[in-house]
Amino acid sequence: MSEDCLFCKIVKGEIPSEFLYEDDSFVVIKDINPAAPVHLLLLPKKHIRSNNDLQKEDGKIISDLFMVAKKMAKEQGVNESGYKLLFNVEKGGGQVIFHVHLHLIGGWKK
């Protein structure tokens, strides 16, 4: 955990947030500025600054993150209509909070 990381503070319960999902490795919250009817943030509990800081031993975290995304898409009812999974990497890629997180975005009407 990083002491000054917003997402680490959320994971530790220092900043109140409704967890839509939690297990030993992840929490899922709603994005506070949603880009779609469904916009979730999937946060590893382990602090990893960005995709550029991933280590080989983090491979399981990332693969498990995609399984959590699959589960959450189904729970949110967007698994069949479709959804996007997005990582922003570094400032130029749109990353604002430097803690690896996956956006699950969907729920648009046809």
N, C-alpha and C. Protein backbone atom coordinates (compact mmCIF):
# COMPACT_ATOMS: atom_id res chain seq x y z
N MET A 1 0.84 -1.18 0.00
CA MET A 1 0.00 0.00 0.00
C MET A 1 0.88 1.25 0.00
N SER A 2 0.38 2.25 -0.65
CA SER A 2 1.07 3.54 -0.68
C SER A 2 0.29 4.51 0.20
N GLU A 3 0.97 5.19 1.09
CA GLU A 3 0.31 6.06 2.07
C GLU A 3 -0.46 7.22 1.44
N ASP A 4 0.00 7.72 0.29
CA ASP A 4 -0.65 8.88 -0.30
C ASP A 4 -1.54 8.52 -1.50
N CYS A 5 -1.78 7.24 -1.73
CA CYS A 5 -2.57 6.79 -2.88
C CYS A 5 -4.06 6.77 -2.52
N LEU A 6 -4.86 7.48 -3.30
CA LEU A 6 -6.30 7.54 -3.08
C LEU A 6 -6.93 6.15 -3.08
N PHE A 7 -6.56 5.31 -4.05
CA PHE A 7 -7.17 3.98 -4.12
C PHE A 7 -6.72 3.10 -2.97
N CYS A 8 -5.49 3.24 -2.52
CA CYS A 8 -5.05 2.48 -1.34
C CYS A 8 -5.88 2.88 -0.12
N LYS A 9 -6.18 4.16 0.00
CA LYS A 9 -6.99 4.64 1.12
C LYS A 9 -8.42 4.09 1.04
N ILE A 10 -8.96 3.99 -0.16
CA ILE A 10 -10.29 3.40 -0.35
C ILE A 10 -10.25 1.93 0.03
N VAL A 11 -9.26 1.21 -0.47
CA VAL A 11 -9.12 -0.23 -0.18
C VAL A 11 -9.03 -0.48 1.33
N LYS A 12 -8.29 0.39 2.04
CA LYS A 12 -8.10 0.22 3.49
C LYS A 12 -9.28 0.73 4.31
N GLY A 13 -10.26 1.35 3.65
CA GLY A 13 -11.42 1.86 4.37
C GLY A 13 -11.21 3.23 4.98
N GLU A 14 -10.11 3.88 4.65
CA GLU A 14 -9.83 5.22 5.18
C GLU A 14 -10.69 6.29 4.51
N ILE A 15 -11.11 6.00 3.30
CA ILE A 15 -12.04 6.86 2.57
C ILE A 15 -13.28 6.02 2.31
N PRO A 16 -14.43 6.45 2.83
CA PRO A 16 -15.65 5.65 2.66
C PRO A 16 -16.00 5.46 1.20
N SER A 17 -16.36 4.24 0.86
CA SER A 17 -16.78 3.91 -0.49
C SER A 17 -17.60 2.64 -0.43
N GLU A 18 -18.60 2.54 -1.27
CA GLU A 18 -19.40 1.33 -1.33
C GLU A 18 -18.69 0.31 -2.22
N PHE A 19 -18.36 -0.83 -1.64
CA PHE A 19 -17.74 -1.90 -2.41
C PHE A 19 -18.85 -2.75 -3.04
N LEU A 20 -18.84 -2.83 -4.35
CA LEU A 20 -19.78 -3.70 -5.05
C LEU A 20 -19.29 -5.14 -5.01
N TYR A 21 -17.99 -5.29 -4.78
CA TYR A 21 -17.36 -6.61 -4.71
C TYR A 21 -16.08 -6.45 -3.90
N GLU A 22 -15.76 -7.50 -3.13
CA GLU A 22 -14.48 -7.53 -2.42
C GLU A 22 -14.09 -8.97 -2.20
N ASP A 23 -12.82 -9.24 -2.40
CA ASP A 23 -12.23 -10.52 -2.02
C ASP A 23 -10.85 -10.23 -1.45
N ASP A 24 -10.02 -11.23 -1.30
CA ASP A 24 -8.70 -11.04 -0.71
C ASP A 24 -7.77 -10.16 -1.55
N SER A 25 -8.05 -10.07 -2.86
CA SER A 25 -7.13 -9.37 -3.76
C SER A 25 -7.67 -8.10 -4.40
N PHE A 26 -9.02 -7.93 -4.42
CA PHE A 26 -9.62 -6.85 -5.19
C PHE A 26 -10.80 -6.21 -4.48
N VAL A 27 -11.08 -4.97 -4.85
CA VAL A 27 -12.36 -4.33 -4.55
C VAL A 27 -12.87 -3.71 -5.84
N VAL A 28 -14.18 -3.57 -5.92
CA VAL A 28 -14.82 -2.93 -7.08
C VAL A 28 -15.72 -1.83 -6.55
N ILE A 29 -15.57 -0.65 -7.15
CA ILE A 29 -16.38 0.51 -6.78
C ILE A 29 -16.95 1.14 -8.05
N LYS A 30 -17.95 2.01 -7.88
CA LYS A 30 -18.46 2.79 -9.00
C LYS A 30 -17.54 3.98 -9.23
N ASP A 31 -17.34 4.32 -10.50
CA ASP A 31 -16.57 5.52 -10.84
C ASP A 31 -17.39 6.75 -10.44
N ILE A 32 -16.76 7.73 -9.81
CA ILE A 32 -17.51 8.92 -9.37
C ILE A 32 -17.84 9.86 -10.52
N ASN A 33 -17.19 9.68 -11.66
CA ASN A 33 -17.49 10.46 -12.86
C ASN A 33 -17.75 9.49 -14.01
N PRO A 34 -18.91 8.81 -13.98
CA PRO A 34 -19.14 7.74 -14.95
C PRO A 34 -19.23 8.23 -16.39
N ALA A 35 -18.64 7.43 -17.29
CA ALA A 35 -18.67 7.71 -18.72
C ALA A 35 -19.79 6.94 -19.41
N ALA A 36 -20.55 6.15 -18.63
CA ALA A 36 -21.61 5.31 -19.17
C ALA A 36 -22.53 4.93 -18.02
N PRO A 37 -23.70 4.35 -18.33
CA PRO A 37 -24.60 3.92 -17.27
C PRO A 37 -23.94 2.96 -16.26
N VAL A 38 -23.07 2.10 -16.75
CA VAL A 38 -22.28 1.23 -15.88
C VAL A 38 -20.82 1.63 -16.06
N HIS A 39 -20.21 2.08 -14.98
CA HIS A 39 -18.78 2.44 -15.03
C HIS A 39 -18.18 2.08 -13.68
N LEU A 40 -17.51 0.95 -13.66
CA LEU A 40 -16.91 0.43 -12.44
C LEU A 40 -15.40 0.54 -12.50
N LEU A 41 -14.79 0.64 -11.33
CA LEU A 41 -13.34 0.60 -11.20
C LEU A 41 -12.99 -0.66 -10.43
N LEU A 42 -12.15 -1.49 -11.01
CA LEU A 42 -11.69 -2.72 -10.39
C LEU A 42 -10.28 -2.47 -9.88
N LEU A 43 -10.12 -2.52 -8.57
CA LEU A 43 -8.87 -2.13 -7.93
C LEU A 43 -8.17 -3.31 -7.29
N PRO A 44 -6.96 -3.62 -7.70
CA PRO A 44 -6.18 -4.59 -6.93
C PRO A 44 -5.87 -4.00 -5.56
N LYS A 45 -5.88 -4.81 -4.53
CA LYS A 45 -5.51 -4.33 -3.20
C LYS A 45 -4.02 -4.05 -3.12
N LYS A 46 -3.24 -4.76 -3.90
CA LYS A 46 -1.80 -4.50 -3.95
C LYS A 46 -1.55 -3.22 -4.72
N HIS A 47 -0.76 -2.34 -4.16
CA HIS A 47 -0.43 -1.09 -4.86
C HIS A 47 0.61 -1.38 -5.94
N ILE A 48 0.19 -1.15 -7.17
CA ILE A 48 1.09 -1.18 -8.33
C ILE A 48 0.84 0.15 -9.03
N ARG A 49 1.84 0.95 -9.18
CA ARG A 49 1.70 2.32 -9.65
C ARG A 49 1.02 2.42 -11.02
N SER A 50 1.50 1.69 -12.00
CA SER A 50 0.89 1.70 -13.34
C SER A 50 1.26 0.40 -14.04
N ASN A 51 0.70 0.22 -15.21
CA ASN A 51 1.02 -0.96 -16.01
C ASN A 51 2.53 -1.05 -16.24
N ASN A 52 3.20 0.07 -16.34
CA ASN A 52 4.65 0.08 -16.56
C ASN A 52 5.43 -0.47 -15.37
N ASP A 53 4.79 -0.57 -14.22
CA ASP A 53 5.45 -1.05 -13.01
C ASP A 53 5.13 -2.50 -12.69
N LEU A 54 4.36 -3.16 -13.55
CA LEU A 54 4.03 -4.57 -13.33
C LEU A 54 5.30 -5.42 -13.36
N GLN A 55 5.34 -6.40 -12.47
CA GLN A 55 6.43 -7.37 -12.44
C GLN A 55 5.87 -8.74 -12.84
N LYS A 56 6.75 -9.63 -13.21
CA LYS A 56 6.32 -10.96 -13.64
C LYS A 56 5.41 -11.60 -12.59
N GLU A 57 5.73 -11.42 -11.30
CA GLU A 57 4.93 -12.03 -10.24
C GLU A 57 3.53 -11.41 -10.12
N ASP A 58 3.26 -10.31 -10.81
CA ASP A 58 1.94 -9.69 -10.79
C ASP A 58 1.01 -10.29 -11.85
N GLY A 59 1.49 -11.24 -12.62
CA GLY A 59 0.68 -11.83 -13.69
C GLY A 59 -0.64 -12.40 -13.20
N LYS A 60 -0.63 -13.07 -12.06
CA LYS A 60 -1.87 -13.66 -11.53
C LYS A 60 -2.86 -12.57 -11.15
N ILE A 61 -2.37 -11.47 -10.60
CA ILE A 61 -3.26 -10.37 -10.25
C ILE A 61 -4.00 -9.88 -11.49
N ILE A 62 -3.28 -9.69 -12.57
CA ILE A 62 -3.89 -9.16 -13.78
C ILE A 62 -4.85 -10.17 -14.40
N SER A 63 -4.49 -11.44 -14.44
CA SER A 63 -5.42 -12.44 -15.00
C SER A 63 -6.66 -12.57 -14.12
N ASP A 64 -6.49 -12.54 -12.81
CA ASP A 64 -7.64 -12.60 -11.91
C ASP A 64 -8.52 -11.37 -12.04
N LEU A 65 -7.90 -10.23 -12.34
CA LEU A 65 -8.65 -8.99 -12.53
C LEU A 65 -9.65 -9.14 -13.68
N PHE A 66 -9.24 -9.82 -14.74
CA PHE A 66 -10.15 -10.03 -15.86
C PHE A 66 -11.29 -10.99 -15.49
N MET A 67 -11.04 -11.93 -14.61
CA MET A 67 -12.11 -12.82 -14.15
C MET A 67 -13.11 -12.06 -13.27
N VAL A 68 -12.61 -11.14 -12.45
CA VAL A 68 -13.51 -10.30 -11.65
C VAL A 68 -14.34 -9.42 -12.59
N ALA A 69 -13.71 -8.89 -13.64
CA ALA A 69 -14.44 -8.07 -14.62
C ALA A 69 -15.56 -8.88 -15.26
N LYS A 70 -15.30 -10.11 -15.61
CA LYS A 70 -16.32 -10.98 -16.21
C LYS A 70 -17.49 -11.15 -15.25
N LYS A 71 -17.18 -11.41 -13.99
CA LYS A 71 -18.21 -11.60 -12.96
C LYS A 71 -19.03 -10.32 -12.78
N MET A 72 -18.35 -9.18 -12.70
CA MET A 72 -19.05 -7.92 -12.48
C MET A 72 -19.90 -7.53 -13.69
N ALA A 73 -19.42 -7.81 -14.89
CA ALA A 73 -20.21 -7.52 -16.10
C ALA A 73 -21.53 -8.30 -16.05
N LYS A 74 -21.46 -9.55 -15.64
CA LYS A 74 -22.67 -10.36 -15.53
C LYS A 74 -23.59 -9.80 -14.45
N GLU A 75 -23.03 -9.47 -13.29
CA GLU A 75 -23.84 -8.92 -12.19
C GLU A 75 -24.49 -7.60 -12.57
N GLN A 76 -23.83 -6.81 -13.38
CA GLN A 76 -24.36 -5.51 -13.80
C GLN A 76 -25.27 -5.61 -15.02
N GLY A 77 -25.39 -6.81 -15.59
CA GLY A 77 -26.29 -7.04 -16.71
C GLY A 77 -25.78 -6.53 -18.05
N VAL A 78 -24.47 -6.41 -18.19
CA VAL A 78 -23.92 -5.93 -19.46
C VAL A 78 -23.10 -7.00 -20.19
N ASN A 79 -23.07 -8.20 -19.63
CA ASN A 79 -22.23 -9.25 -20.22
C ASN A 79 -22.68 -9.63 -21.62
N GLU A 80 -23.96 -9.57 -21.90
CA GLU A 80 -24.43 -9.96 -23.24
C GLU A 80 -24.56 -8.77 -24.17
N SER A 81 -24.91 -7.60 -23.64
CA SER A 81 -25.06 -6.41 -24.50
C SER A 81 -23.70 -5.85 -24.91
N GLY A 82 -22.69 -6.08 -24.07
CA GLY A 82 -21.34 -5.64 -24.39
C GLY A 82 -20.83 -4.57 -23.44
N TYR A 83 -19.52 -4.53 -23.31
CA TYR A 83 -18.87 -3.59 -22.41
C TYR A 83 -17.43 -3.41 -22.85
N LYS A 84 -16.80 -2.37 -22.30
CA LYS A 84 -15.39 -2.10 -22.57
C LYS A 84 -14.59 -2.33 -21.30
N LEU A 85 -13.37 -2.79 -21.46
CA LEU A 85 -12.40 -2.87 -20.38
C LEU A 85 -11.25 -1.97 -20.78
N LEU A 86 -10.84 -1.09 -19.86
CA LEU A 86 -9.86 -0.07 -20.22
C LEU A 86 -8.85 0.15 -19.10
N PHE A 87 -7.58 0.12 -19.47
CA PHE A 87 -6.50 0.57 -18.59
C PHE A 87 -5.98 1.89 -19.15
N ASN A 88 -5.86 2.92 -18.32
CA ASN A 88 -5.16 4.14 -18.69
C ASN A 88 -3.75 4.01 -18.11
N VAL A 89 -2.74 4.30 -18.91
CA VAL A 89 -1.36 4.12 -18.46
C VAL A 89 -0.59 5.43 -18.61
N GLU A 90 -0.14 5.95 -17.47
CA GLU A 90 0.63 7.19 -17.37
C GLU A 90 -0.23 8.39 -17.80
N LYS A 91 0.27 9.58 -17.51
CA LYS A 91 -0.51 10.80 -17.76
C LYS A 91 -0.95 10.92 -19.21
N GLY A 92 -0.04 10.64 -20.14
CA GLY A 92 -0.36 10.76 -21.55
C GLY A 92 -1.43 9.79 -22.01
N GLY A 93 -1.62 8.72 -21.26
CA GLY A 93 -2.65 7.74 -21.56
C GLY A 93 -3.92 7.95 -20.75
N GLY A 94 -3.97 9.05 -20.01
CA GLY A 94 -5.17 9.38 -19.26
C GLY A 94 -5.19 8.90 -17.82
N GLN A 95 -4.10 8.31 -17.34
CA GLN A 95 -4.08 7.85 -15.95
C GLN A 95 -4.01 9.06 -15.03
N VAL A 96 -4.93 9.13 -14.08
CA VAL A 96 -5.00 10.25 -13.14
C VAL A 96 -4.58 9.79 -11.74
N ILE A 97 -5.02 8.58 -11.37
CA ILE A 97 -4.64 8.01 -10.07
C ILE A 97 -3.64 6.90 -10.34
N PHE A 98 -2.48 7.02 -9.74
CA PHE A 98 -1.39 6.11 -10.05
C PHE A 98 -1.41 4.89 -9.14
N HIS A 99 -2.39 4.04 -9.44
CA HIS A 99 -2.62 2.72 -8.82
C HIS A 99 -3.32 1.95 -9.93
N VAL A 100 -2.73 0.87 -10.40
CA VAL A 100 -3.33 0.11 -11.50
C VAL A 100 -4.80 -0.15 -11.18
N HIS A 101 -5.65 0.12 -12.15
CA HIS A 101 -7.08 -0.17 -12.03
C HIS A 101 -7.66 -0.38 -13.41
N LEU A 102 -8.70 -1.18 -13.46
CA LEU A 102 -9.37 -1.52 -14.72
C LEU A 102 -10.76 -0.89 -14.71
N HIS A 103 -11.06 -0.17 -15.76
CA HIS A 103 -12.41 0.40 -15.94
C HIS A 103 -13.27 -0.63 -16.65
N LEU A 104 -14.48 -0.88 -16.15
CA LEU A 104 -15.49 -1.67 -16.82
C LEU A 104 -16.60 -0.69 -17.16
N ILE A 105 -16.84 -0.52 -18.47
CA ILE A 105 -17.74 0.52 -18.96
C ILE A 105 -18.75 -0.10 -19.91
N GLY A 106 -20.04 0.17 -19.66
CA GLY A 106 -21.07 -0.37 -20.54
C GLY A 106 -22.45 0.12 -20.15
N GLY A 107 -23.47 -0.56 -20.67
CA GLY A 107 -24.85 -0.25 -20.33
C GLY A 107 -25.51 0.76 -21.22
N TRP A 108 -24.92 1.05 -22.37
CA TRP A 108 -25.54 1.99 -23.30
C TRP A 108 -26.77 1.36 -23.91
N LYS A 109 -27.77 2.17 -24.17
CA LYS A 109 -28.99 1.70 -24.84
C LYS A 109 -28.75 1.70 -26.33
N LYS A 110 -29.40 0.79 -27.01
CA LYS A 110 -29.24 0.70 -28.49
C LYS A 110 -29.95 1.83 -29.18
